[in-house]
Amino acid sequence: MVNNVMNNEQVISLYETVSELTGQMLQAAQQRDWENLATLESHCATHIQVLKDGEPPAAALPPVLRARKVAIIHTILARDREIRDLTTPWLAELAALINSSGAERRLANAYGA
């Protein structure tokens, strides 16, 4: 297996990209653009996997870059929380709609509508 450990600049750049993507995801959630949100989430997951696969241990970062990384992570987590706050009610609405449709079909099947 080839060692794909990233350098410090690559690590910070990827975290910044994830942060930008979560900002776009938040905008999509605020606009109820669920399709775009899902696409952005997929891009974000790809970048996170690259970080998981190639990020060196945190101790390898100089203190200034470690502080930058922590600040970026705080931003990402705050946006994630806001996205969840926006998507949770929508998911509940969707579940209710699906359950309602299922109930309607079962009634139609049961009573021959």
PDB file of N, CA and C in Angstrom:
ATOM      1  N   MET A   1       0.843  -1.177   0.000  1.00  0.00           N
ATOM      2  CA  MET A   1       0.000   0.000   0.000  1.00  0.00           C
ATOM      3  C   MET A   1       0.889   1.241   0.000  1.00  0.00           C
ATOM      4  N   VAL A   2       0.563   2.212  -0.825  1.00  0.00           N
ATOM      5  CA  VAL A   2       1.340   3.439  -0.952  1.00  0.00           C
ATOM      6  C   VAL A   2       0.967   4.386   0.187  1.00  0.00           C
ATOM      7  N   ASN A   3       1.978   5.043   0.753  1.00  0.00           N
ATOM      8  CA  ASN A   3       1.743   6.006   1.828  1.00  0.00           C
ATOM      9  C   ASN A   3       1.270   7.320   1.221  1.00  0.00           C
ATOM     10  N   ASN A   4       0.027   7.694   1.467  1.00  0.00           N
ATOM     11  CA  ASN A   4      -0.565   8.903   0.904  1.00  0.00           C
ATOM     12  C   ASN A   4      -0.724   9.993   1.943  1.00  0.00           C
ATOM     13  N   VAL A   5       0.218  10.122   2.863  1.00  0.00           N
ATOM     14  CA  VAL A   5       0.129  11.126   3.911  1.00  0.00           C
ATOM     15  C   VAL A   5       0.280  12.510   3.275  1.00  0.00           C
ATOM     16  N   MET A   6      -0.620  13.408   3.634  1.00  0.00           N
ATOM     17  CA  MET A   6      -0.623  14.761   3.081  1.00  0.00           C
ATOM     18  C   MET A   6       0.319  15.663   3.871  1.00  0.00           C
ATOM     19  N   ASN A   7       0.757  16.734   3.205  1.00  0.00           N
ATOM     20  CA  ASN A   7       1.540  17.725   3.923  1.00  0.00           C
ATOM     21  C   ASN A   7       0.590  18.702   4.634  1.00  0.00           C
ATOM     22  N   ASN A   8       1.128  19.560   5.461  1.00  0.00           N
ATOM     23  CA  ASN A   8       0.315  20.469   6.278  1.00  0.00           C
ATOM     24  C   ASN A   8      -0.587  21.375   5.448  1.00  0.00           C
ATOM     25  N   GLU A   9      -0.051  21.903   4.356  1.00  0.00           N
ATOM     26  CA  GLU A   9      -0.848  22.799   3.509  1.00  0.00           C
ATOM     27  C   GLU A   9      -2.032  22.065   2.885  1.00  0.00           C
ATOM     28  N   GLN A  10      -1.802  20.819   2.472  1.00  0.00           N
ATOM     29  CA  GLN A  10      -2.885  20.020   1.893  1.00  0.00           C
ATOM     30  C   GLN A  10      -3.972  19.744   2.925  1.00  0.00           C
ATOM     31  N   VAL A  11      -3.564  19.451   4.141  1.00  0.00           N
ATOM     32  CA  VAL A  11      -4.522  19.175   5.213  1.00  0.00           C
ATOM     33  C   VAL A  11      -5.400  20.402   5.457  1.00  0.00           C
ATOM     34  N   ILE A  12      -4.781  21.556   5.659  1.00  0.00           N
ATOM     35  CA  ILE A  12      -5.546  22.774   5.937  1.00  0.00           C
ATOM     36  C   ILE A  12      -6.417  23.130   4.742  1.00  0.00           C
ATOM     37  N   SER A  13      -5.893  22.976   3.537  1.00  0.00           N
ATOM     38  CA  SER A  13      -6.667  23.265   2.334  1.00  0.00           C
ATOM     39  C   SER A  13      -7.921  22.382   2.252  1.00  0.00           C
ATOM     40  N   LEU A  14      -7.767  21.107   2.580  1.00  0.00           N
ATOM     41  CA  LEU A  14      -8.929  20.209   2.545  1.00  0.00           C
ATOM     42  C   LEU A  14      -9.955  20.580   3.613  1.00  0.00           C
ATOM     43  N   TYR A  15      -9.494  20.933   4.801  1.00  0.00           N
ATOM     44  CA  TYR A  15     -10.428  21.383   5.836  1.00  0.00           C
ATOM     45  C   TYR A  15     -11.156  22.647   5.392  1.00  0.00           C
ATOM     46  N   GLU A  16     -10.445  23.556   4.751  1.00  0.00           N
ATOM     47  CA  GLU A  16     -11.085  24.778   4.257  1.00  0.00           C
ATOM     48  C   GLU A  16     -12.111  24.453   3.176  1.00  0.00           C
ATOM     49  N   THR A  17     -11.796  23.494   2.326  1.00  0.00           N
ATOM     50  CA  THR A  17     -12.752  23.073   1.296  1.00  0.00           C
ATOM     51  C   THR A  17     -14.001  22.477   1.932  1.00  0.00           C
ATOM     52  N   VAL A  18     -13.817  21.638   2.935  1.00  0.00           N
ATOM     53  CA  VAL A  18     -14.967  21.056   3.640  1.00  0.00           C
ATOM     54  C   VAL A  18     -15.790  22.171   4.285  1.00  0.00           C
ATOM     55  N   SER A  19     -15.115  23.150   4.853  1.00  0.00           N
ATOM     56  CA  SER A  19     -15.819  24.283   5.460  1.00  0.00           C
ATOM     57  C   SER A  19     -16.637  25.050   4.420  1.00  0.00           C
ATOM     58  N   GLU A  20     -16.039  25.293   3.263  1.00  0.00           N
ATOM     59  CA  GLU A  20     -16.766  25.972   2.184  1.00  0.00           C
ATOM     60  C   GLU A  20     -17.975  25.156   1.743  1.00  0.00           C
ATOM     61  N   LEU A  21     -17.783  23.858   1.609  1.00  0.00           N
ATOM     62  CA  LEU A  21     -18.894  22.991   1.210  1.00  0.00           C
ATOM     63  C   LEU A  21     -20.014  22.998   2.245  1.00  0.00           C
ATOM     64  N   THR A  22     -19.656  22.982   3.529  1.00  0.00           N
ATOM     65  CA  THR A  22     -20.714  23.013   4.543  1.00  0.00           C
ATOM     66  C   THR A  22     -21.434  24.358   4.528  1.00  0.00           C
ATOM     67  N   GLY A  23     -20.734  25.427   4.161  1.00  0.00           N
ATOM     68  CA  GLY A  23     -21.401  26.721   3.994  1.00  0.00           C
ATOM     69  C   GLY A  23     -22.414  26.671   2.858  1.00  0.00           C
ATOM     70  N   GLN A  24     -22.027  26.036   1.759  1.00  0.00           N
ATOM     71  CA  GLN A  24     -22.946  25.866   0.632  1.00  0.00           C
ATOM     72  C   GLN A  24     -24.103  24.945   1.002  1.00  0.00           C
ATOM     73  N   MET A  25     -23.804  23.915   1.781  1.00  0.00           N
ATOM     74  CA  MET A  25     -24.855  22.998   2.236  1.00  0.00           C
ATOM     75  C   MET A  25     -25.864  23.737   3.110  1.00  0.00           C
ATOM     76  N   LEU A  26     -25.380  24.611   3.974  1.00  0.00           N
ATOM     77  CA  LEU A  26     -26.274  25.383   4.828  1.00  0.00           C
ATOM     78  C   LEU A  26     -27.178  26.271   3.984  1.00  0.00           C
ATOM     79  N   GLN A  27     -26.613  26.920   2.978  1.00  0.00           N
ATOM     80  CA  GLN A  27     -27.428  27.760   2.093  1.00  0.00           C
ATOM     81  C   GLN A  27     -28.491  26.917   1.388  1.00  0.00           C
ATOM     82  N   ALA A  28     -28.107  25.739   0.913  1.00  0.00           N
ATOM     83  CA  ALA A  28     -29.065  24.853   0.242  1.00  0.00           C
ATOM     84  C   ALA A  28     -30.178  24.447   1.200  1.00  0.00           C
ATOM     85  N   ALA A  29     -29.824  24.130   2.437  1.00  0.00           N
ATOM     86  CA  ALA A  29     -30.842  23.748   3.425  1.00  0.00           C
ATOM     87  C   ALA A  29     -31.760  24.931   3.736  1.00  0.00           C
ATOM     88  N   GLN A  30     -31.201  26.124   3.837  1.00  0.00           N
ATOM     89  CA  GLN A  30     -32.014  27.310   4.109  1.00  0.00           C
ATOM     90  C   GLN A  30     -32.994  27.567   2.966  1.00  0.00           C
ATOM     91  N   GLN A  31     -32.589  27.222   1.744  1.00  0.00           N
ATOM     92  CA  GLN A  31     -33.444  27.413   0.568  1.00  0.00           C
ATOM     93  C   GLN A  31     -34.318  26.191   0.284  1.00  0.00           C
ATOM     94  N   ARG A  32     -34.201  25.186   1.140  1.00  0.00           N
ATOM     95  CA  ARG A  32     -34.932  23.926   0.966  1.00  0.00           C
ATOM     96  C   ARG A  32     -34.638  23.283  -0.391  1.00  0.00           C
ATOM     97  N   ASP A  33     -33.394  23.429  -0.822  1.00  0.00           N
ATOM     98  CA  ASP A  33     -32.913  22.837  -2.066  1.00  0.00           C
ATOM     99  C   ASP A  33     -32.276  21.495  -1.718  1.00  0.00           C
ATOM    100  N   TRP A  34     -33.139  20.516  -1.477  1.00  0.00           N
ATOM    101  CA  TRP A  34     -32.688  19.236  -0.940  1.00  0.00           C
ATOM    102  C   TRP A  34     -31.804  18.474  -1.915  1.00  0.00           C
ATOM    103  N   GLU A  35     -32.091  18.588  -3.200  1.00  0.00           N
ATOM    104  CA  GLU A  35     -31.283  17.881  -4.194  1.00  0.00           C
ATOM    105  C   GLU A  35     -29.842  18.410  -4.185  1.00  0.00           C
ATOM    106  N   ASN A  36     -29.693  19.733  -4.181  1.00  0.00           N
ATOM    107  CA  ASN A  36     -28.366  20.334  -4.129  1.00  0.00           C
ATOM    108  C   ASN A  36     -27.669  19.989  -2.809  1.00  0.00           C
ATOM    109  N   LEU A  37     -28.422  19.988  -1.737  1.00  0.00           N
ATOM    110  CA  LEU A  37     -27.863  19.632  -0.434  1.00  0.00           C
ATOM    111  C   LEU A  37     -27.270  18.223  -0.484  1.00  0.00           C
ATOM    112  N   ALA A  38     -27.999  17.298  -1.069  1.00  0.00           N
ATOM    113  CA  ALA A  38     -27.513  15.912  -1.163  1.00  0.00           C
ATOM    114  C   ALA A  38     -26.252  15.823  -2.019  1.00  0.00           C
ATOM    115  N   THR A  39     -26.216  16.572  -3.115  1.00  0.00           N
ATOM    116  CA  THR A  39     -25.035  16.584  -3.979  1.00  0.00           C
ATOM    117  C   THR A  39     -23.830  17.141  -3.232  1.00  0.00           C
ATOM    118  N   LEU A  40     -24.032  18.264  -2.547  1.00  0.00           N
ATOM    119  CA  LEU A  40     -22.942  18.884  -1.787  1.00  0.00           C
ATOM    120  C   LEU A  40     -22.475  17.969  -0.660  1.00  0.00           C
ATOM    121  N   GLU A  41     -23.413  17.287  -0.030  1.00  0.00           N
ATOM    122  CA  GLU A  41     -23.069  16.372   1.051  1.00  0.00           C
ATOM    123  C   GLU A  41     -22.182  15.236   0.529  1.00  0.00           C
ATOM    124  N   SER A  42     -22.460  14.773  -0.667  1.00  0.00           N
ATOM    125  CA  SER A  42     -21.653  13.723  -1.280  1.00  0.00           C
ATOM    126  C   SER A  42     -20.229  14.222  -1.545  1.00  0.00           C
ATOM    127  N   HIS A  43     -20.104  15.445  -2.072  1.00  0.00           N
ATOM    128  CA  HIS A  43     -18.783  16.036  -2.298  1.00  0.00           C
ATOM    129  C   HIS A  43     -18.028  16.176  -0.977  1.00  0.00           C
ATOM    130  N   CYS A  44     -18.742  16.622   0.036  1.00  0.00           N
ATOM    131  CA  CYS A  44     -18.146  16.811   1.356  1.00  0.00           C
ATOM    132  C   CYS A  44     -17.639  15.476   1.903  1.00  0.00           C
ATOM    133  N   ALA A  45     -18.430  14.440   1.771  1.00  0.00           N
ATOM    134  CA  ALA A  45     -18.049  13.114   2.263  1.00  0.00           C
ATOM    135  C   ALA A  45     -16.789  12.610   1.563  1.00  0.00           C
ATOM    136  N   THR A  46     -16.659  12.903   0.274  1.00  0.00           N
ATOM    137  CA  THR A  46     -15.469  12.498  -0.475  1.00  0.00           C
ATOM    138  C   THR A  46     -14.222  13.171   0.095  1.00  0.00           C
ATOM    139  N   HIS A  47     -14.318  14.477   0.372  1.00  0.00           N
ATOM    140  CA  HIS A  47     -13.180  15.211   0.933  1.00  0.00           C
ATOM    141  C   HIS A  47     -12.841  14.706   2.342  1.00  0.00           C
ATOM    142  N   ILE A  48     -13.856  14.408   3.114  1.00  0.00           N
ATOM    143  CA  ILE A  48     -13.620  13.898   4.472  1.00  0.00           C
ATOM    144  C   ILE A  48     -12.924  12.542   4.411  1.00  0.00           C
ATOM    145  N   GLN A  49     -13.302  11.717   3.459  1.00  0.00           N
ATOM    146  CA  GLN A  49     -12.640  10.420   3.315  1.00  0.00           C
ATOM    147  C   GLN A  49     -11.168  10.595   2.957  1.00  0.00           C
ATOM    148  N   VAL A  50     -10.858  11.576   2.099  1.00  0.00           N
ATOM    149  CA  VAL A  50      -9.462  11.856   1.751  1.00  0.00           C
ATOM    150  C   VAL A  50      -8.691  12.247   3.013  1.00  0.00           C
ATOM    151  N   LEU A  51      -9.325  13.077   3.855  1.00  0.00           N
ATOM    152  CA  LEU A  51      -8.683  13.450   5.121  1.00  0.00           C
ATOM    153  C   LEU A  51      -8.452  12.227   6.004  1.00  0.00           C
ATOM    154  N   LYS A  52      -9.460  11.374   6.115  1.00  0.00           N
ATOM    155  CA  LYS A  52      -9.329  10.172   6.941  1.00  0.00           C
ATOM    156  C   LYS A  52      -8.192   9.285   6.446  1.00  0.00           C
ATOM    157  N   ASP A  53      -8.060   9.199   5.129  1.00  0.00           N
ATOM    158  CA  ASP A  53      -7.062   8.307   4.544  1.00  0.00           C
ATOM    159  C   ASP A  53      -5.639   8.866   4.594  1.00  0.00           C
ATOM    160  N   GLY A  54      -5.488  10.197   4.564  1.00  0.00           N
ATOM    161  CA  GLY A  54      -4.153  10.731   4.405  1.00  0.00           C
ATOM    162  C   GLY A  54      -3.683  11.773   5.398  1.00  0.00           C
ATOM    163  N   GLU A  55      -4.528  12.127   6.350  1.00  0.00           N
ATOM    164  CA  GLU A  55      -4.125  13.157   7.302  1.00  0.00           C
ATOM    165  C   GLU A  55      -3.134  12.585   8.314  1.00  0.00           C
ATOM    166  N   PRO A  56      -2.010  13.268   8.488  1.00  0.00           N
ATOM    167  CA  PRO A  56      -1.070  12.803   9.509  1.00  0.00           C
ATOM    168  C   PRO A  56      -1.628  13.067  10.908  1.00  0.00           C
ATOM    169  N   PRO A  57      -1.022  12.492  11.932  1.00  0.00           N
ATOM    170  CA  PRO A  57      -1.496  12.745  13.301  1.00  0.00           C
ATOM    171  C   PRO A  57      -1.500  14.252  13.610  1.00  0.00           C
ATOM    172  N   ALA A  58      -2.436  14.674  14.444  1.00  0.00           N
ATOM    173  CA  ALA A  58      -2.572  16.093  14.784  1.00  0.00           C
ATOM    174  C   ALA A  58      -1.285  16.673  15.338  1.00  0.00           C
ATOM    175  N   ALA A  59      -0.506  15.871  16.017  1.00  0.00           N
ATOM    176  CA  ALA A  59       0.746  16.351  16.609  1.00  0.00           C
ATOM    177  C   ALA A  59       1.727  16.815  15.540  1.00  0.00           C
ATOM    178  N   ALA A  60       1.525  16.375  14.282  1.00  0.00           N
ATOM    179  CA  ALA A  60       2.435  16.754  13.207  1.00  0.00           C
ATOM    180  C   ALA A  60       2.232  18.209  12.765  1.00  0.00           C
ATOM    181  N   LEU A  61       1.096  18.797  13.092  1.00  0.00           N
ATOM    182  CA  LEU A  61       0.834  20.185  12.700  1.00  0.00           C
ATOM    183  C   LEU A  61       1.497  21.149  13.671  1.00  0.00           C
ATOM    184  N   PRO A  62       2.113  22.203  13.140  1.00  0.00           N
ATOM    185  CA  PRO A  62       2.636  23.253  14.020  1.00  0.00           C
ATOM    186  C   PRO A  62       1.469  23.908  14.772  1.00  0.00           C
ATOM    187  N   PRO A  63       1.721  24.483  15.933  1.00  0.00           N
ATOM    188  CA  PRO A  63       0.648  25.071  16.753  1.00  0.00           C
ATOM    189  C   PRO A  63      -0.250  26.062  16.004  1.00  0.00           C
ATOM    190  N   VAL A  64       0.311  26.896  15.156  1.00  0.00           N
ATOM    191  CA  VAL A  64      -0.503  27.880  14.427  1.00  0.00           C
ATOM    192  C   VAL A  64      -1.483  27.174  13.494  1.00  0.00           C
ATOM    193  N   LEU A  65      -1.009  26.164  12.781  1.00  0.00           N
ATOM    194  CA  LEU A  65      -1.891  25.427  11.869  1.00  0.00           C
ATOM    195  C   LEU A  65      -2.892  24.567  12.631  1.00  0.00           C
ATOM    196  N   ARG A  66      -2.466  24.023  13.772  1.00  0.00           N
ATOM    197  CA  ARG A  66      -3.398  23.243  14.595  1.00  0.00           C
ATOM    198  C   ARG A  66      -4.540  24.134  15.073  1.00  0.00           C
ATOM    199  N   ALA A  67      -4.224  25.369  15.472  1.00  0.00           N
ATOM    200  CA  ALA A  67      -5.261  26.318  15.904  1.00  0.00           C
ATOM    201  C   ALA A  67      -6.182  26.655  14.736  1.00  0.00           C
ATOM    202  N   ARG A  68      -5.619  26.814  13.537  1.00  0.00           N
ATOM    203  CA  ARG A  68      -6.437  27.088  12.341  1.00  0.00           C
ATOM    204  C   ARG A  68      -7.364  25.911  12.065  1.00  0.00           C
ATOM    205  N   LYS A  69      -6.826  24.700  12.161  1.00  0.00           N
ATOM    206  CA  LYS A  69      -7.630  23.498  11.928  1.00  0.00           C
ATOM    207  C   LYS A  69      -8.781  23.423  12.931  1.00  0.00           C
ATOM    208  N   VAL A  70      -8.506  23.690  14.193  1.00  0.00           N
ATOM    209  CA  VAL A  70      -9.544  23.651  15.230  1.00  0.00           C
ATOM    210  C   VAL A  70     -10.631  24.686  14.933  1.00  0.00           C
ATOM    211  N   ALA A  71     -10.235  25.890  14.522  1.00  0.00           N
ATOM    212  CA  ALA A  71     -11.214  26.939  14.198  1.00  0.00           C
ATOM    213  C   ALA A  71     -12.095  26.505  13.023  1.00  0.00           C
ATOM    214  N   ILE A  72     -11.477  25.905  12.025  1.00  0.00           N
ATOM    215  CA  ILE A  72     -12.245  25.425  10.865  1.00  0.00           C
ATOM    216  C   ILE A  72     -13.224  24.341  11.300  1.00  0.00           C
ATOM    217  N   ILE A  73     -12.765  23.415  12.131  1.00  0.00           N
ATOM    218  CA  ILE A  73     -13.636  22.331  12.604  1.00  0.00           C
ATOM    219  C   ILE A  73     -14.813  22.903  13.390  1.00  0.00           C
ATOM    220  N   HIS A  74     -14.574  23.915  14.210  1.00  0.00           N
ATOM    221  CA  HIS A  74     -15.676  24.546  14.949  1.00  0.00           C
ATOM    222  C   HIS A  74     -16.706  25.142  13.991  1.00  0.00           C
ATOM    223  N   THR A  75     -16.234  25.769  12.921  1.00  0.00           N
ATOM    224  CA  THR A  75     -17.146  26.331  11.917  1.00  0.00           C
ATOM    225  C   THR A  75     -17.951  25.228  11.246  1.00  0.00           C
ATOM    226  N   ILE A  76     -17.272  24.150  10.871  1.00  0.00           N
ATOM    227  CA  ILE A  76     -17.943  23.018  10.223  1.00  0.00           C
ATOM    228  C   ILE A  76     -19.015  22.436  11.147  1.00  0.00           C
ATOM    229  N   LEU A  77     -18.683  22.243  12.405  1.00  0.00           N
ATOM    230  CA  LEU A  77     -19.639  21.672  13.358  1.00  0.00           C
ATOM    231  C   LEU A  77     -20.831  22.595  13.593  1.00  0.00           C
ATOM    232  N   ALA A  78     -20.587  23.894  13.656  1.00  0.00           N
ATOM    233  CA  ALA A  78     -21.691  24.853  13.836  1.00  0.00           C
ATOM    234  C   ALA A  78     -22.626  24.808  12.632  1.00  0.00           C
ATOM    235  N   ARG A  79     -22.054  24.749  11.446  1.00  0.00           N
ATOM    236  CA  ARG A  79     -22.889  24.671  10.236  1.00  0.00           C
ATOM    237  C   ARG A  79     -23.651  23.361  10.185  1.00  0.00           C
ATOM    238  N   ASP A  80     -22.989  22.282  10.577  1.00  0.00           N
ATOM    239  CA  ASP A  80     -23.654  20.979  10.604  1.00  0.00           C
ATOM    240  C   ASP A  80     -24.860  21.012  11.539  1.00  0.00           C
ATOM    241  N   ARG A  81     -24.691  21.640  12.673  1.00  0.00           N
ATOM    242  CA  ARG A  81     -25.800  21.764  13.635  1.00  0.00           C
ATOM    243  C   ARG A  81     -26.960  22.556  13.021  1.00  0.00           C
ATOM    244  N   GLU A  82     -26.633  23.653  12.339  1.00  0.00           N
ATOM    245  CA  GLU A  82     -27.679  24.463  11.695  1.00  0.00           C
ATOM    246  C   GLU A  82     -28.380  23.679  10.589  1.00  0.00           C
ATOM    247  N   ILE A  83     -27.604  22.923   9.817  1.00  0.00           N
ATOM    248  CA  ILE A  83     -28.182  22.102   8.749  1.00  0.00           C
ATOM    249  C   ILE A  83     -29.139  21.080   9.344  1.00  0.00           C
ATOM    250  N   ARG A  84     -28.716  20.419  10.417  1.00  0.00           N
ATOM    251  CA  ARG A  84     -29.595  19.437  11.075  1.00  0.00           C
ATOM    252  C   ARG A  84     -30.862  20.096  11.597  1.00  0.00           C
ATOM    253  N   ASP A  85     -30.729  21.308  12.150  1.00  0.00           N
ATOM    254  CA  ASP A  85     -31.906  22.036  12.644  1.00  0.00           C
ATOM    255  C   ASP A  85     -32.888  22.329  11.514  1.00  0.00           C
ATOM    256  N   LEU A  86     -32.377  22.527  10.311  1.00  0.00           N
ATOM    257  CA  LEU A  86     -33.241  22.802   9.157  1.00  0.00           C
ATOM    258  C   LEU A  86     -33.779  21.533   8.511  1.00  0.00           C
ATOM    259  N   THR A  87     -32.990  20.480   8.514  1.00  0.00           N
ATOM    260  CA  THR A  87     -33.424  19.262   7.823  1.00  0.00           C
ATOM    261  C   THR A  87     -34.300  18.356   8.672  1.00  0.00           C
ATOM    262  N   THR A  88     -34.155  18.410   9.972  1.00  0.00           N
ATOM    263  CA  THR A  88     -34.946  17.525  10.837  1.00  0.00           C
ATOM    264  C   THR A  88     -36.453  17.725  10.643  1.00  0.00           C
ATOM    265  N   PRO A  89     -36.960  18.972  10.650  1.00  0.00           N
ATOM    266  CA  PRO A  89     -38.400  19.136  10.413  1.00  0.00           C
ATOM    267  C   PRO A  89     -38.812  18.657   9.019  1.00  0.00           C
ATOM    268  N   TRP A  90     -37.966  18.891   8.024  1.00  0.00           N
ATOM    269  CA  TRP A  90     -38.291  18.460   6.673  1.00  0.00           C
ATOM    270  C   TRP A  90     -38.359  16.933   6.615  1.00  0.00           C
ATOM    271  N   LEU A  91     -37.416  16.264   7.268  1.00  0.00           N
ATOM    272  CA  LEU A  91     -37.440  14.808   7.289  1.00  0.00           C
ATOM    273  C   LEU A  91     -38.694  14.283   7.988  1.00  0.00           C
ATOM    274  N   ALA A  92     -39.115  14.974   9.038  1.00  0.00           N
ATOM    275  CA  ALA A  92     -40.362  14.584   9.726  1.00  0.00           C
ATOM    276  C   ALA A  92     -41.553  14.765   8.790  1.00  0.00           C
ATOM    277  N   GLU A  93     -41.576  15.871   8.045  1.00  0.00           N
ATOM    278  CA  GLU A  93     -42.657  16.104   7.067  1.00  0.00           C
ATOM    279  C   GLU A  93     -42.658  15.004   6.016  1.00  0.00           C
ATOM    280  N   LEU A  94     -41.472  14.671   5.521  1.00  0.00           N
ATOM    281  CA  LEU A  94     -41.346  13.642   4.499  1.00  0.00           C
ATOM    282  C   LEU A  94     -41.810  12.291   5.033  1.00  0.00           C
ATOM    283  N   ALA A  95     -41.416  11.956   6.245  1.00  0.00           N
ATOM    284  CA  ALA A  95     -41.849  10.690   6.846  1.00  0.00           C
ATOM    285  C   ALA A  95     -43.363  10.651   7.002  1.00  0.00           C
ATOM    286  N   ALA A  96     -43.943  11.773   7.427  1.00  0.00           N
ATOM    287  CA  ALA A  96     -45.397  11.841   7.575  1.00  0.00           C
ATOM    288  C   ALA A  96     -46.082  11.669   6.220  1.00  0.00           C
ATOM    289  N   LEU A  97     -45.530  12.292   5.198  1.00  0.00           N
ATOM    290  CA  LEU A  97     -46.095  12.181   3.859  1.00  0.00           C
ATOM    291  C   LEU A  97     -46.016  10.745   3.356  1.00  0.00           C
ATOM    292  N   ILE A  98     -44.879  10.121   3.562  1.00  0.00           N
ATOM    293  CA  ILE A  98     -44.706   8.733   3.133  1.00  0.00           C
ATOM    294  C   ILE A  98     -45.663   7.825   3.897  1.00  0.00           C
ATOM    295  N   ASN A  99     -45.767   8.030   5.204  1.00  0.00           N
ATOM    296  CA  ASN A  99     -46.684   7.213   6.002  1.00  0.00           C
ATOM    297  C   ASN A  99     -48.123   7.454   5.584  1.00  0.00           C
ATOM    298  N   SER A 100     -48.466   8.701   5.275  1.00  0.00           N
ATOM    299  CA  SER A 100     -49.817   9.040   4.835  1.00  0.00           C
ATOM    300  C   SER A 100     -50.124   8.367   3.503  1.00  0.00           C
ATOM    301  N   SER A 101     -49.183   8.421   2.580  1.00  0.00           N
ATOM    302  CA  SER A 101     -49.371   7.782   1.273  1.00  0.00           C
ATOM    303  C   SER A 101     -49.526   6.285   1.430  1.00  0.00           C
ATOM    304  N   GLY A 102     -48.710   5.710   2.316  1.00  0.00           N
ATOM    305  CA  GLY A 102     -48.803   4.272   2.560  1.00  0.00           C
ATOM    306  C   GLY A 102     -50.149   3.902   3.152  1.00  0.00           C
ATOM    307  N   ALA A 103     -50.641   4.715   4.080  1.00  0.00           N
ATOM    308  CA  ALA A 103     -51.948   4.462   4.696  1.00  0.00           C
ATOM    309  C   ALA A 103     -53.059   4.588   3.652  1.00  0.00           C
ATOM    310  N   GLU A 104     -52.940   5.589   2.787  1.00  0.00           N
ATOM    311  CA  GLU A 104     -53.947   5.763   1.737  1.00  0.00           C
ATOM    312  C   GLU A 104     -53.970   4.557   0.811  1.00  0.00           C
ATOM    313  N   ARG A 105     -52.794   4.058   0.439  1.00  0.00           N
ATOM    314  CA  ARG A 105     -52.737   2.873  -0.431  1.00  0.00           C
ATOM    315  C   ARG A 105     -53.323   1.656   0.249  1.00  0.00           C
ATOM    316  N   ARG A 106     -53.000   1.476   1.544  1.00  0.00           N
ATOM    317  CA  ARG A 106     -53.542   0.326   2.263  1.00  0.00           C
ATOM    318  C   ARG A 106     -55.065   0.403   2.357  1.00  0.00           C
ATOM    319  N   LEU A 107     -55.582   1.613   2.609  1.00  0.00           N
ATOM    320  CA  LEU A 107     -57.039   1.776   2.666  1.00  0.00           C
ATOM    321  C   LEU A 107     -57.664   1.513   1.310  1.00  0.00           C
ATOM    322  N   ALA A 108     -57.050   2.040   0.273  1.00  0.00           N
ATOM    323  CA  ALA A 108     -57.569   1.829  -1.092  1.00  0.00           C
ATOM    324  C   ALA A 108     -57.567   0.351  -1.438  1.00  0.00           C
ATOM    325  N   ASN A 109     -56.497  -0.340  -1.077  1.00  0.00           N
ATOM    326  CA  ASN A 109     -56.419  -1.771  -1.338  1.00  0.00           C
ATOM    327  C   ASN A 109     -57.447  -2.540  -0.511  1.00  0.00           C
ATOM    328  N   ALA A 110     -57.615  -2.138   0.738  1.00  0.00           N
ATOM    329  CA  ALA A 110     -58.540  -2.842   1.613  1.00  0.00           C
ATOM    330  C   ALA A 110     -59.987  -2.647   1.199  1.00  0.00           C
ATOM    331  N   TYR A 111     -60.314  -1.445   0.738  1.00  0.00           N
ATOM    332  CA  TYR A 111     -61.708  -1.135   0.439  1.00  0.00           C
ATOM    333  C   TYR A 111     -61.980  -1.003  -1.057  1.00  0.00           C
ATOM    334  N   GLY A 112     -61.011  -1.370  -1.885  1.00  0.00           N
ATOM    335  CA  GLY A 112     -61.216  -1.413  -3.324  1.00  0.00           C
ATOM    336  C   GLY A 112     -61.516  -0.075  -3.961  1.00  0.00           C
ATOM    337  N   ALA A 113     -60.867   0.971  -3.519  1.00  0.00           N
ATOM    338  CA  ALA A 113     -61.112   2.301  -4.105  1.00  0.00           C
ATOM    339  C   ALA A 113     -60.494   2.425  -5.457  1.00  0.00           C
TER     340      ALA A 113
END
